PDB file of N, CA and C in Angstrom:
ATOM      1  N   UNK A   1      33.106  11.339 -16.358  1.00  0.00           N
ATOM      2  CA  UNK A   1      32.206  11.127 -15.282  1.00  0.00           C
ATOM      3  C   UNK A   1      32.166   9.593 -14.743  1.00  0.00           C
ATOM      4  N   UNK A   2      32.276   9.462 -13.532  1.00  0.00           N
ATOM      5  CA  UNK A   2      32.066   8.110 -12.845  1.00  0.00           C
ATOM      6  C   UNK A   2      30.798   7.644 -12.575  1.00  0.00           C
ATOM      7  N   UNK A   3      30.436   6.501 -12.645  1.00  0.00           N
ATOM      8  CA  UNK A   3      29.311   5.873 -12.118  1.00  0.00           C
ATOM      9  C   UNK A   3      29.169   5.743 -10.626  1.00  0.00           C
ATOM     10  N   UNK A   4      27.984   6.262 -10.184  1.00  0.00           N
ATOM     11  CA  UNK A   4      28.008   6.317  -8.526  1.00  0.00           C
ATOM     12  C   UNK A   4      27.759   4.811  -7.942  1.00  0.00           C
ATOM     13  N   UNK A   5      27.286   3.905  -9.055  1.00  0.00           N
ATOM     14  CA  UNK A   5      26.874   2.684  -8.575  1.00  0.00           C
ATOM     15  C   UNK A   5      28.339   1.704  -8.674  1.00  0.00           C
ATOM     16  N   UNK A   6      28.735   1.657  -9.777  1.00  0.00           N
ATOM     17  CA  UNK A   6      30.048   0.525  -9.861  1.00  0.00           C
ATOM     18  C   UNK A   6      31.235   1.246  -9.948  1.00  0.00           C
ATOM     19  N   UNK A   7      31.403   2.635 -10.228  1.00  0.00           N
ATOM     20  CA  UNK A   7      32.547   3.335 -10.091  1.00  0.00           C
ATOM     21  C   UNK A   7      33.317   3.451 -11.639  1.00  0.00           C
ATOM     22  N   UNK A   8      32.660   2.982 -12.658  1.00  0.00           N
ATOM     23  CA  UNK A   8      33.270   2.990 -13.905  1.00  0.00           C
ATOM     24  C   UNK A   8      33.130   4.269 -14.537  1.00  0.00           C
ATOM     25  N   UNK A   9      34.324   4.562 -15.213  1.00  0.00           N
ATOM     26  CA  UNK A   9      34.373   5.816 -15.886  1.00  0.00           C
ATOM     27  C   UNK A   9      33.686   6.029 -17.043  1.00  0.00           C
ATOM     28  N   UNK A  10      32.935   6.845 -17.397  1.00  0.00           N
ATOM     29  CA  UNK A  10      32.108   7.166 -18.730  1.00  0.00           C
ATOM     30  C   UNK A  10      32.327   8.367 -19.259  1.00  0.00           C
ATOM     31  N   UNK A  11      31.794   8.676 -20.546  1.00  0.00           N
ATOM     32  CA  UNK A  11      32.153   9.995 -20.934  1.00  0.00           C
ATOM     33  C   UNK A  11      31.035  10.866 -20.536  1.00  0.00           C
ATOM     34  N   UNK A  12      31.326  12.074 -20.315  1.00  0.00           N
ATOM     35  CA  UNK A  12      30.511  13.169 -19.858  1.00  0.00           C
ATOM     36  C   UNK A  12      29.094  13.215 -20.513  1.00  0.00           C
ATOM     37  N   UNK A  13      28.982  12.918 -21.762  1.00  0.00           N
ATOM     38  CA  UNK A  13      27.789  13.040 -22.413  1.00  0.00           C
ATOM     39  C   UNK A  13      26.664  11.739 -22.152  1.00  0.00           C
ATOM     40  N   UNK A  14      27.527  10.756 -21.580  1.00  0.00           N
ATOM     41  CA  UNK A  14      26.894   9.430 -21.234  1.00  0.00           C
ATOM     42  C   UNK A  14      25.542   9.580 -20.520  1.00  0.00           C
ATOM     43  N   UNK A  15      24.660   8.791 -20.977  1.00  0.00           N
ATOM     44  CA  UNK A  15      23.538   8.961 -20.104  1.00  0.00           C
ATOM     45  C   UNK A  15      23.242   7.573 -18.980  1.00  0.00           C
ATOM     46  N   UNK A  16      23.650   6.300 -19.669  1.00  0.00           N
ATOM     47  CA  UNK A  16      23.565   5.309 -18.831  1.00  0.00           C
ATOM     48  C   UNK A  16      25.440   4.572 -18.896  1.00  0.00           C
ATOM     49  N   UNK A  17      25.546   3.956 -17.604  1.00  0.00           N
ATOM     50  CA  UNK A  17      26.978   3.587 -17.350  1.00  0.00           C
ATOM     51  C   UNK A  17      27.196   2.320 -18.374  1.00  0.00           C
ATOM     52  N   UNK A  18      28.449   2.268 -19.090  1.00  0.00           N
ATOM     53  CA  UNK A  18      28.724   1.472 -19.978  1.00  0.00           C
ATOM     54  C   UNK A  18      28.912   0.112 -19.176  1.00  0.00           C
ATOM     55  N   UNK A  19      29.268   0.027 -17.993  1.00  0.00           N
ATOM     56  CA  UNK A  19      29.448  -0.836 -17.306  1.00  0.00           C
ATOM     57  C   UNK A  19      28.264  -1.876 -16.699  1.00  0.00           C
ATOM     58  N   UNK A  20      27.584  -0.919 -15.889  1.00  0.00           N
ATOM     59  CA  UNK A  20      26.387  -1.619 -15.361  1.00  0.00           C
ATOM     60  C   UNK A  20      25.051  -1.175 -15.977  1.00  0.00           C
ATOM     61  N   UNK A  21      25.033  -0.160 -16.804  1.00  0.00           N
ATOM     62  CA  UNK A  21      23.827  -0.054 -17.309  1.00  0.00           C
ATOM     63  C   UNK A  21      22.844   1.061 -16.705  1.00  0.00           C
ATOM     64  N   UNK A  22      23.124   1.360 -15.301  1.00  0.00           N
ATOM     65  CA  UNK A  22      22.470   2.354 -14.504  1.00  0.00           C
ATOM     66  C   UNK A  22      22.459   3.586 -15.138  1.00  0.00           C
ATOM     67  N   UNK A  23      21.396   4.419 -15.016  1.00  0.00           N
ATOM     68  CA  UNK A  23      21.473   5.944 -15.147  1.00  0.00           C
ATOM     69  C   UNK A  23      22.528   6.811 -14.687  1.00  0.00           C
ATOM     70  N   UNK A  24      23.276   7.629 -15.269  1.00  0.00           N
ATOM     71  CA  UNK A  24      24.202   7.985 -14.628  1.00  0.00           C
ATOM     72  C   UNK A  24      23.922   9.572 -14.005  1.00  0.00           C
ATOM     73  N   UNK A  25      22.879  10.283 -14.475  1.00  0.00           N
ATOM     74  CA  UNK A  25      22.669  11.550 -14.222  1.00  0.00           C
ATOM     75  C   UNK A  25      21.054  11.606 -13.662  1.00  0.00           C
ATOM     76  N   UNK A  26      20.677  12.050 -12.636  1.00  0.00           N
ATOM     77  CA  UNK A  26      19.236  12.225 -12.418  1.00  0.00           C
ATOM     78  C   UNK A  26      18.772  13.346 -12.984  1.00  0.00           C
ATOM     79  N   UNK A  27      17.530  13.623 -13.304  1.00  0.00           N
ATOM     80  CA  UNK A  27      17.185  15.116 -13.869  1.00  0.00           C
ATOM     81  C   UNK A  27      16.583  15.823 -12.663  1.00  0.00           C
ATOM     82  N   UNK A  28      17.448  16.741 -12.508  1.00  0.00           N
ATOM     83  CA  UNK A  28      17.106  17.652 -11.067  1.00  0.00           C
ATOM     84  C   UNK A  28      15.919  18.304 -11.256  1.00  0.00           C
ATOM     85  N   UNK A  29      15.647  18.950 -12.615  1.00  0.00           N
ATOM     86  CA  UNK A  29      14.499  19.580 -12.882  1.00  0.00           C
ATOM     87  C   UNK A  29      13.082  19.060 -12.534  1.00  0.00           C
ATOM     88  N   UNK A  30      13.287  17.618 -12.867  1.00  0.00           N
ATOM     89  CA  UNK A  30      12.272  16.647 -12.770  1.00  0.00           C
ATOM     90  C   UNK A  30      11.803  16.560 -11.204  1.00  0.00           C
ATOM     91  N   UNK A  31      12.912  16.321 -10.445  1.00  0.00           N
ATOM     92  CA  UNK A  31      12.749  16.019  -9.174  1.00  0.00           C
ATOM     93  C   UNK A  31      12.055  17.275  -8.430  1.00  0.00           C
ATOM     94  N   UNK A  32      12.687  18.538  -8.584  1.00  0.00           N
ATOM     95  CA  UNK A  32      12.026  19.719  -8.021  1.00  0.00           C
ATOM     96  C   UNK A  32      10.673  19.914  -8.565  1.00  0.00           C
ATOM     97  N   UNK A  33      10.471  19.571  -9.586  1.00  0.00           N
ATOM     98  CA  UNK A  33       8.854  19.587 -10.042  1.00  0.00           C
ATOM     99  C   UNK A  33       8.003  18.549  -9.343  1.00  0.00           C
ATOM    100  N   UNK A  34       8.361  17.455  -9.083  1.00  0.00           N
ATOM    101  CA  UNK A  34       7.852  16.634  -8.416  1.00  0.00           C
ATOM    102  C   UNK A  34       7.622  16.926  -7.009  1.00  0.00           C
ATOM    103  N   UNK A  35       8.481  17.584  -6.420  1.00  0.00           N
ATOM    104  CA  UNK A  35       8.785  17.789  -5.024  1.00  0.00           C
ATOM    105  C   UNK A  35       7.496  18.945  -4.682  1.00  0.00           C
ATOM    106  N   UNK A  36       7.565  19.990  -5.366  1.00  0.00           N
ATOM    107  CA  UNK A  36       6.656  20.940  -5.375  1.00  0.00           C
ATOM    108  C   UNK A  36       5.130  20.408  -5.010  1.00  0.00           C
ATOM    109  N   UNK A  37       4.520  19.811  -6.254  1.00  0.00           N
ATOM    110  CA  UNK A  37       3.276  19.325  -5.814  1.00  0.00           C
ATOM    111  C   UNK A  37       2.865  18.476  -4.887  1.00  0.00           C
ATOM    112  N   UNK A  38       3.893  17.559  -4.193  1.00  0.00           N
ATOM    113  CA  UNK A  38       3.845  16.736  -3.264  1.00  0.00           C
ATOM    114  C   UNK A  38       3.513  17.900  -2.056  1.00  0.00           C
ATOM    115  N   UNK A  39       4.339  18.602  -1.773  1.00  0.00           N
ATOM    116  CA  UNK A  39       3.869  19.595  -0.679  1.00  0.00           C
ATOM    117  C   UNK A  39       2.709  20.075  -0.795  1.00  0.00           C
ATOM    118  N   UNK A  40       2.268  20.466  -1.963  1.00  0.00           N
ATOM    119  CA  UNK A  40       1.232  21.280  -2.113  1.00  0.00           C
ATOM    120  C   UNK A  40      -0.134  20.199  -1.955  1.00  0.00           C
ATOM    121  N   UNK A  41       0.053  18.839  -2.632  1.00  0.00           N
ATOM    122  CA  UNK A  41      -0.894  17.720  -2.128  1.00  0.00           C
ATOM    123  C   UNK A  41      -1.111  17.437  -0.861  1.00  0.00           C
ATOM    124  N   UNK A  42       0.111  17.434  -0.253  1.00  0.00           N
ATOM    125  CA  UNK A  42      -0.031  17.308   1.475  1.00  0.00           C
ATOM    126  C   UNK A  42      -0.729  18.266   2.063  1.00  0.00           C
ATOM    127  N   UNK A  43      -0.571  19.410   1.834  1.00  0.00           N
ATOM    128  CA  UNK A  43      -1.194  20.500   2.390  1.00  0.00           C
ATOM    129  C   UNK A  43      -2.800  20.421   2.068  1.00  0.00           C
ATOM    130  N   UNK A  44      -3.029  20.088   0.656  1.00  0.00           N
ATOM    131  CA  UNK A  44      -4.577  19.963   0.391  1.00  0.00           C
ATOM    132  C   UNK A  44      -4.952  18.842   0.887  1.00  0.00           C
ATOM    133  N   UNK A  45      -4.206  17.729   1.128  1.00  0.00           N
ATOM    134  CA  UNK A  45      -4.975  16.463   1.669  1.00  0.00           C
ATOM    135  C   UNK A  45      -5.260  16.746   3.169  1.00  0.00           C
ATOM    136  N   UNK A  46      -4.280  17.600   3.883  1.00  0.00           N
ATOM    137  CA  UNK A  46      -4.434  17.773   5.286  1.00  0.00           C
ATOM    138  C   UNK A  46      -5.723  18.553   5.349  1.00  0.00           C
ATOM    139  N   UNK A  47      -5.961  19.663   4.473  1.00  0.00           N
ATOM    140  CA  UNK A  47      -7.074  20.536   4.668  1.00  0.00           C
ATOM    141  C   UNK A  47      -8.268  19.445   3.978  1.00  0.00           C
ATOM    142  N   UNK A  48      -8.371  18.643   3.204  1.00  0.00           N
ATOM    143  CA  UNK A  48      -9.196  17.703   2.899  1.00  0.00           C
ATOM    144  C   UNK A  48      -9.690  16.786   3.897  1.00  0.00           C
ATOM    145  N   UNK A  49      -8.546  16.247   4.495  1.00  0.00           N
ATOM    146  CA  UNK A  49      -8.715  15.408   5.903  1.00  0.00           C
ATOM    147  C   UNK A  49      -9.553  16.063   6.680  1.00  0.00           C
ATOM    148  N   UNK A  50      -9.373  17.422   7.053  1.00  0.00           N
ATOM    149  CA  UNK A  50      -9.933  18.014   8.336  1.00  0.00           C
ATOM    150  C   UNK A  50     -11.420  18.447   7.834  1.00  0.00           C
ATOM    151  N   UNK A  51     -11.348  18.763   6.349  1.00  0.00           N
ATOM    152  CA  UNK A  51     -12.945  18.764   6.127  1.00  0.00           C
ATOM    153  C   UNK A  51     -13.780  17.572   5.975  1.00  0.00           C
ATOM    154  N   UNK A  52     -13.164  16.499   5.623  1.00  0.00           N
ATOM    155  CA  UNK A  52     -13.608  15.235   5.603  1.00  0.00           C
ATOM    156  C   UNK A  52     -14.158  14.318   7.008  1.00  0.00           C
ATOM    157  N   UNK A  53     -13.113  14.860   7.837  1.00  0.00           N
ATOM    158  CA  UNK A  53     -13.368  14.484   9.224  1.00  0.00           C
ATOM    159  C   UNK A  53     -14.848  15.295   9.636  1.00  0.00           C
ATOM    160  N   UNK A  54     -14.547  16.636   9.421  1.00  0.00           N
ATOM    161  CA  UNK A  54     -15.830  17.548  10.003  1.00  0.00           C
ATOM    162  C   UNK A  54     -17.043  17.068   9.179  1.00  0.00           C
ATOM    163  N   UNK A  55     -17.050  16.800   7.966  1.00  0.00           N
ATOM    164  CA  UNK A  55     -18.240  16.212   7.269  1.00  0.00           C
ATOM    165  C   UNK A  55     -18.630  15.014   7.897  1.00  0.00           C
ATOM    166  N   UNK A  56     -17.677  13.953   8.190  1.00  0.00           N
ATOM    167  CA  UNK A  56     -17.967  12.512   8.479  1.00  0.00           C
ATOM    168  C   UNK A  56     -18.376  12.827   9.734  1.00  0.00           C
ATOM    169  N   UNK A  57     -17.945  13.644  10.759  1.00  0.00           N
ATOM    170  CA  UNK A  57     -18.642  13.682  11.970  1.00  0.00           C
ATOM    171  C   UNK A  57     -19.999  14.142  12.116  1.00  0.00           C
ATOM    172  N   UNK A  58     -20.431  15.359  11.224  1.00  0.00           N
ATOM    173  CA  UNK A  58     -21.551  15.600  10.895  1.00  0.00           C
ATOM    174  C   UNK A  58     -22.731  14.415  10.286  1.00  0.00           C
ATOM    175  N   UNK A  59     -22.109  13.611   9.385  1.00  0.00           N
ATOM    176  CA  UNK A  59     -22.705  12.549   8.827  1.00  0.00           C
ATOM    177  C   UNK A  59     -23.053  11.648   9.770  1.00  0.00           C
ATOM    178  N   UNK A  60     -22.044  11.468  10.686  1.00  0.00           N
ATOM    179  CA  UNK A  60     -22.268  10.135  11.242  1.00  0.00           C
ATOM    180  C   UNK A  60     -23.122  10.399  12.335  1.00  0.00           C
ATOM    181  N   UNK A  61     -23.635  11.562  12.726  1.00  0.00           N
ATOM    182  CA  UNK A  61     -24.693  11.951  13.643  1.00  0.00           C
ATOM    183  C   UNK A  61     -26.213  11.513  13.021  1.00  0.00           C
ATOM    184  N   UNK A  62     -25.948  11.854  11.620  1.00  0.00           N
ATOM    185  CA  UNK A  62     -27.183  11.989  10.683  1.00  0.00           C
ATOM    186  C   UNK A  62     -27.394  10.488  10.341  1.00  0.00           C
ATOM    187  N   UNK A  63     -26.508  10.108  10.102  1.00  0.00           N
ATOM    188  CA  UNK A  63     -26.478   8.414   9.904  1.00  0.00           C
ATOM    189  C   UNK A  63     -26.959   7.656  10.962  1.00  0.00           C
ATOM    190  N   UNK A  64     -26.555   7.826  12.012  1.00  0.00           N
ATOM    191  CA  UNK A  64     -27.249   7.139  13.277  1.00  0.00           C
ATOM    192  C   UNK A  64     -28.374   7.245  13.458  1.00  0.00           C
ATOM    193  N   UNK A  65     -29.330   8.645  13.121  1.00  0.00           N
ATOM    194  CA  UNK A  65     -30.367   8.857  13.235  1.00  0.00           C
ATOM    195  C   UNK A  65     -31.435   8.175  12.266  1.00  0.00           C
ATOM    196  N   UNK A  66     -30.705   7.959  11.066  1.00  0.00           N
ATOM    197  CA  UNK A  66     -31.191   7.382   9.864  1.00  0.00           C
ATOM    198  C   UNK A  66     -31.357   5.835  10.024  1.00  0.00           C
ATOM    199  N   UNK A  67     -30.321   5.418  10.887  1.00  0.00           N
ATOM    200  CA  UNK A  67     -30.372   3.923  11.190  1.00  0.00           C
ATOM    201  C   UNK A  67     -31.559   3.653  12.121  1.00  0.00           C
ATOM    202  N   UNK A  68     -31.533   4.410  13.136  1.00  0.00           N
ATOM    203  CA  UNK A  68     -32.629   4.319  14.064  1.00  0.00           C
ATOM    204  C   UNK A  68     -33.971   4.298  13.409  1.00  0.00           C
ATOM    205  N   UNK A  69     -34.128   5.286  12.770  1.00  0.00           N
ATOM    206  CA  UNK A  69     -35.572   5.677  11.770  1.00  0.00           C
ATOM    207  C   UNK A  69     -35.963   4.260  11.153  1.00  0.00           C
ATOM    208  N   UNK A  70     -34.913   3.630  10.208  1.00  0.00           N
ATOM    209  CA  UNK A  70     -34.954   2.691   9.305  1.00  0.00           C
ATOM    210  C   UNK A  70     -35.343   1.431  10.028  1.00  0.00           C
ATOM    211  N   UNK A  71     -34.821   1.222  11.494  1.00  0.00           N
ATOM    212  CA  UNK A  71     -34.905   0.019  12.291  1.00  0.00           C
ATOM    213  C   UNK A  71     -36.505   0.214  12.837  1.00  0.00           C
ATOM    214  N   UNK A  72     -36.776   1.354  13.243  1.00  0.00           N
ATOM    215  CA  UNK A  72     -38.130   1.462  13.817  1.00  0.00           C
ATOM    216  C   UNK A  72     -39.360   1.225  12.803  1.00  0.00           C
ATOM    217  N   UNK A  73     -38.900   1.518  11.464  1.00  0.00           N
ATOM    218  CA  UNK A  73     -39.997   1.476  10.414  1.00  0.00           C
ATOM    219  C   UNK A  73     -40.083  -0.189  10.256  1.00  0.00           C
ATOM    220  N   UNK A  74     -38.828  -0.847  10.216  1.00  0.00           N
ATOM    221  CA  UNK A  74     -39.012  -2.139   9.795  1.00  0.00           C
ATOM    222  C   UNK A  74     -39.602  -2.957  11.021  1.00  0.00           C
ATOM    223  N   UNK A  75     -39.454  -2.485  12.251  1.00  0.00           N
ATOM    224  CA  UNK A  75     -40.163  -3.087  13.525  1.00  0.00           C
ATOM    225  C   UNK A  75     -41.755  -2.820  13.247  1.00  0.00           C
ATOM    226  N   UNK A  76     -42.157  -1.643  12.879  1.00  0.00           N
ATOM    227  CA  UNK A  76     -43.599  -1.512  12.575  1.00  0.00           C
ATOM    228  C   UNK A  76     -44.129  -1.899  11.765  1.00  0.00           C
ATOM    229  N   UNK A  77     -43.339  -2.358  10.404  1.00  0.00           N
ATOM    230  CA  UNK A  77     -43.966  -3.044   9.560  1.00  0.00           C
ATOM    231  C   UNK A  77     -43.991  -4.757  10.127  1.00  0.00           C
ATOM    232  N   UNK A  78     -43.193  -5.240  10.703  1.00  0.00           N
ATOM    233  CA  UNK A  78     -43.274  -6.520  11.082  1.00  0.00           C
ATOM    234  C   UNK A  78     -44.277  -6.433  12.069  1.00  0.00           C
ATOM    235  N   UNK A  79     -44.912  -5.490  12.897  1.00  0.00           N
ATOM    236  CA  UNK A  79     -45.733  -5.729  13.957  1.00  0.00           C
ATOM    237  C   UNK A  79     -46.994  -5.655  13.092  1.00  0.00           C
ATOM    238  N   UNK A  80     -47.280  -4.852  11.985  1.00  0.00           N
ATOM    239  CA  UNK A  80     -48.424  -4.839  11.094  1.00  0.00           C
ATOM    240  C   UNK A  80     -48.548  -6.465  10.267  1.00  0.00           C
ATOM    241  N   UNK A  81     -47.630  -6.789   9.804  1.00  0.00           N
ATOM    242  CA  UNK A  81     -47.765  -8.061   9.168  1.00  0.00           C
ATOM    243  C   UNK A  81     -48.136  -9.280  10.474  1.00  0.00           C
ATOM    244  N   UNK A  82     -47.468  -9.248  11.560  1.00  0.00           N
ATOM    245  CA  UNK A  82     -47.834 -10.099  12.609  1.00  0.00           C
ATOM    246  C   UNK A  82     -49.178 -10.137  13.163  1.00  0.00           C
ATOM    247  N   UNK A  83     -50.071  -8.733  13.089  1.00  0.00           N
ATOM    248  CA  UNK A  83     -51.206  -8.544  13.373  1.00  0.00           C
ATOM    249  C   UNK A  83     -52.111  -9.055  12.354  1.00  0.00           C
ATOM    250  N   UNK A  84     -51.988  -8.741  11.081  1.00  0.00           N
ATOM    251  CA  UNK A  84     -52.478  -9.129   9.789  1.00  0.00           C
ATOM    252  C   UNK A  84     -52.412 -10.581   9.513  1.00  0.00           C
ATOM    253  N   UNK A  85     -51.383 -11.294  10.031  1.00  0.00           N
ATOM    254  CA  UNK A  85     -51.155 -12.698  10.085  1.00  0.00           C
ATOM    255  C   UNK A  85     -52.084 -13.536  10.954  1.00  0.00           C
ATOM    256  N   UNK A  86     -52.190 -12.835  12.112  1.00  0.00           N
ATOM    257  CA  UNK A  86     -52.922 -13.697  13.205  1.00  0.00           C
ATOM    258  C   UNK A  86     -54.582 -13.577  12.992  1.00  0.00           C
ATOM    259  N   UNK A  87     -55.184 -12.708  12.186  1.00  0.00           N
ATOM    260  CA  UNK A  87     -56.273 -12.745  11.787  1.00  0.00           C
ATOM    261  C   UNK A  87     -56.945 -13.775  11.035  1.00  0.00           C
TER     262      UNK A  87
END
């Protein structure tokens, strides 16, 4: 077996190149196992992103009204303190 990095000939059983020390064989099964979840994760992420976007859109309308309510309450409290302070 030849090293794909430096071209050195190595034993067939060798895991690392005797010249450069790099790994000679890639574990194909590991690569296939890793690829499958990535595809599933991307599909899940796309679904989650769609759900998140939908949820975020709904929440942003609610957050806007909550922010407005909070500001109105603070203005009301400020007016009450201004009236009490002027007495």
